[in-house]
Amino acid sequence: MNSFDIEKFYDKNNTKAANMLLSFMDIEVREHMVNDIVDFLNHSSIGEELELTDHFVIKESDFGVIILNETNEIFAQNPEDIRAYIEIVSLLFLINLKMSYGLKQVKSILKLE
């Protein structure tokens, strides 16, 4: 996959989830963490969790993950509205985009400008 399907993302998520995904990209996707995240996405089993600084990634299926923010899970009225459901190939694309071109490019792709 060499692109991100924004319509497919927003079919399953809302703007709050997109903002949380952007937060995940900003806080967690750093040079020293990328290999751990990519290894988790490619080699973990369904149901496994990856705990990061302020986010969790849960492998929902062989093709998709749920990303959630620990603070939102504790304090939000409807934390399920803030969780991001994303295909693994799409997340890998966004990680590559962020590492290559910066967070501003990811923000543009997510239409959060």
Protein backbone atom coordinates (compact mmCIF):
# COMPACT_ATOMS: atom_id res chain seq x y z
CA MET A 1 0.00 0.00 0.00
CA ASN A 2 1.40 3.38 -0.91
CA SER A 3 -1.38 5.66 0.28
CA PHE A 4 -3.85 6.26 3.08
CA ASP A 5 -7.58 5.85 2.46
CA ILE A 6 -9.02 8.77 4.41
CA GLU A 7 -12.64 7.84 3.64
CA LYS A 8 -12.16 4.33 5.00
CA PHE A 9 -10.57 5.76 8.15
CA TYR A 10 -13.44 8.20 8.76
CA ASP A 11 -16.02 5.46 8.09
CA LYS A 12 -14.81 3.80 11.31
CA ASN A 13 -13.60 6.86 13.24
CA ASN A 14 -14.49 10.45 13.98
CA THR A 15 -12.42 13.63 14.23
CA LYS A 16 -11.64 12.99 17.91
CA ALA A 17 -10.08 9.66 16.94
CA ALA A 18 -8.10 11.35 14.16
CA ASN A 19 -6.76 13.89 16.66
CA MET A 20 -5.80 11.08 19.03
CA LEU A 21 -4.05 9.26 16.16
CA LEU A 22 -2.13 12.46 15.45
CA SER A 23 -1.19 12.58 19.15
CA PHE A 24 0.03 8.98 18.90
CA MET A 25 2.13 9.86 15.86
CA ASP A 26 3.59 12.89 17.65
CA ILE A 27 4.35 11.30 21.02
CA GLU A 28 5.10 7.66 20.24
CA VAL A 29 6.45 7.53 16.69
CA ARG A 30 10.02 8.57 17.35
CA GLU A 31 13.25 7.22 15.96
CA HIS A 32 14.05 5.18 19.08
CA MET A 33 10.54 3.57 19.17
CA VAL A 34 9.73 2.93 15.52
CA ASN A 35 11.31 -0.53 15.36
CA ASP A 36 9.38 -1.71 18.43
CA ILE A 37 6.09 -0.43 17.00
CA VAL A 38 6.70 -1.94 13.55
CA ASP A 39 7.76 -5.28 15.06
CA PHE A 40 4.57 -5.32 17.14
CA LEU A 41 2.40 -4.55 14.11
CA ASN A 42 4.03 -7.27 12.03
CA HIS A 43 4.64 -10.04 14.55
CA SER A 44 2.16 -9.83 17.43
CA SER A 45 -0.83 -12.07 17.91
CA ILE A 46 -4.46 -10.96 17.90
CA GLY A 47 -5.36 -9.48 21.28
CA GLU A 48 -1.81 -8.53 22.24
CA GLU A 49 -1.15 -5.01 23.54
CA LEU A 50 1.81 -2.70 23.18
CA GLU A 51 2.05 -0.18 26.01
CA LEU A 52 3.87 3.00 25.08
CA THR A 53 4.44 6.34 26.81
CA ASP A 54 0.83 7.59 26.72
CA HIS A 55 -0.88 5.22 24.27
CA PHE A 56 -1.74 1.57 23.85
CA VAL A 57 -1.90 -0.35 20.59
CA ILE A 58 -4.11 -3.45 20.60
CA LYS A 59 -3.99 -5.90 17.71
CA GLU A 60 -7.65 -6.42 16.83
CA SER A 61 -7.07 -8.72 13.84
CA ASP A 62 -4.32 -9.71 11.42
CA PHE A 63 -5.18 -6.56 9.47
CA GLY A 64 -6.10 -3.91 12.03
CA VAL A 65 -5.28 -2.35 15.38
CA ILE A 66 -6.96 -0.10 17.91
CA ILE A 67 -4.96 2.81 19.26
CA LEU A 68 -6.07 4.42 22.47
CA ASN A 69 -4.82 7.12 24.77
CA GLU A 70 -4.44 6.15 28.41
CA THR A 71 -5.67 9.51 29.74
CA ASN A 72 -8.76 9.48 27.50
CA GLU A 73 -9.63 5.97 28.65
CA ILE A 74 -9.66 7.14 32.26
CA PHE A 75 -11.32 10.57 31.98
CA ALA A 76 -13.39 10.75 28.78
CA GLN A 77 -17.16 10.26 28.97
CA ASN A 78 -17.18 8.15 25.80
CA PRO A 79 -13.63 6.84 25.34
CA GLU A 80 -14.76 4.56 22.49
CA ASP A 81 -15.32 7.73 20.40
CA ILE A 82 -11.67 8.66 20.80
CA ARG A 83 -10.16 5.26 19.97
CA ALA A 84 -8.67 4.97 16.51
CA TYR A 85 -9.38 1.84 14.48
CA ILE A 86 -6.86 1.60 11.65
CA GLU A 87 -5.57 -0.99 9.22
CA ILE A 88 -1.99 -2.03 9.87
CA VAL A 89 -0.86 -1.18 6.34
CA SER A 90 -2.34 2.31 6.71
CA LEU A 91 -0.63 2.83 10.05
CA LEU A 92 2.69 1.67 8.61
CA PHE A 93 2.21 4.13 5.77
CA LEU A 94 1.57 6.99 8.22
CA ILE A 95 4.58 5.99 10.35
CA ASN A 96 6.80 6.02 7.27
CA LEU A 97 5.34 9.37 6.22
CA LYS A 98 5.96 10.90 9.63
CA MET A 99 9.53 9.60 9.84
CA SER A 100 10.31 10.76 6.29
CA TYR A 101 8.47 14.08 6.05
CA GLY A 102 7.35 15.04 9.54
CA LEU A 103 4.15 15.35 11.53
CA LYS A 104 2.79 18.19 9.42
CA GLN A 105 2.42 15.81 6.46
CA VAL A 106 0.45 13.32 8.60
CA LYS A 107 -1.78 16.13 9.85
CA SER A 108 -2.47 17.10 6.24
CA ILE A 109 -3.32 13.50 5.25
CA LEU A 110 -5.74 13.26 8.19
CA LYS A 111 -7.33 16.55 7.06
CA LEU A 112 -6.77 18.16 10.45
CA GLU A 113 -5.32 21.47 9.24
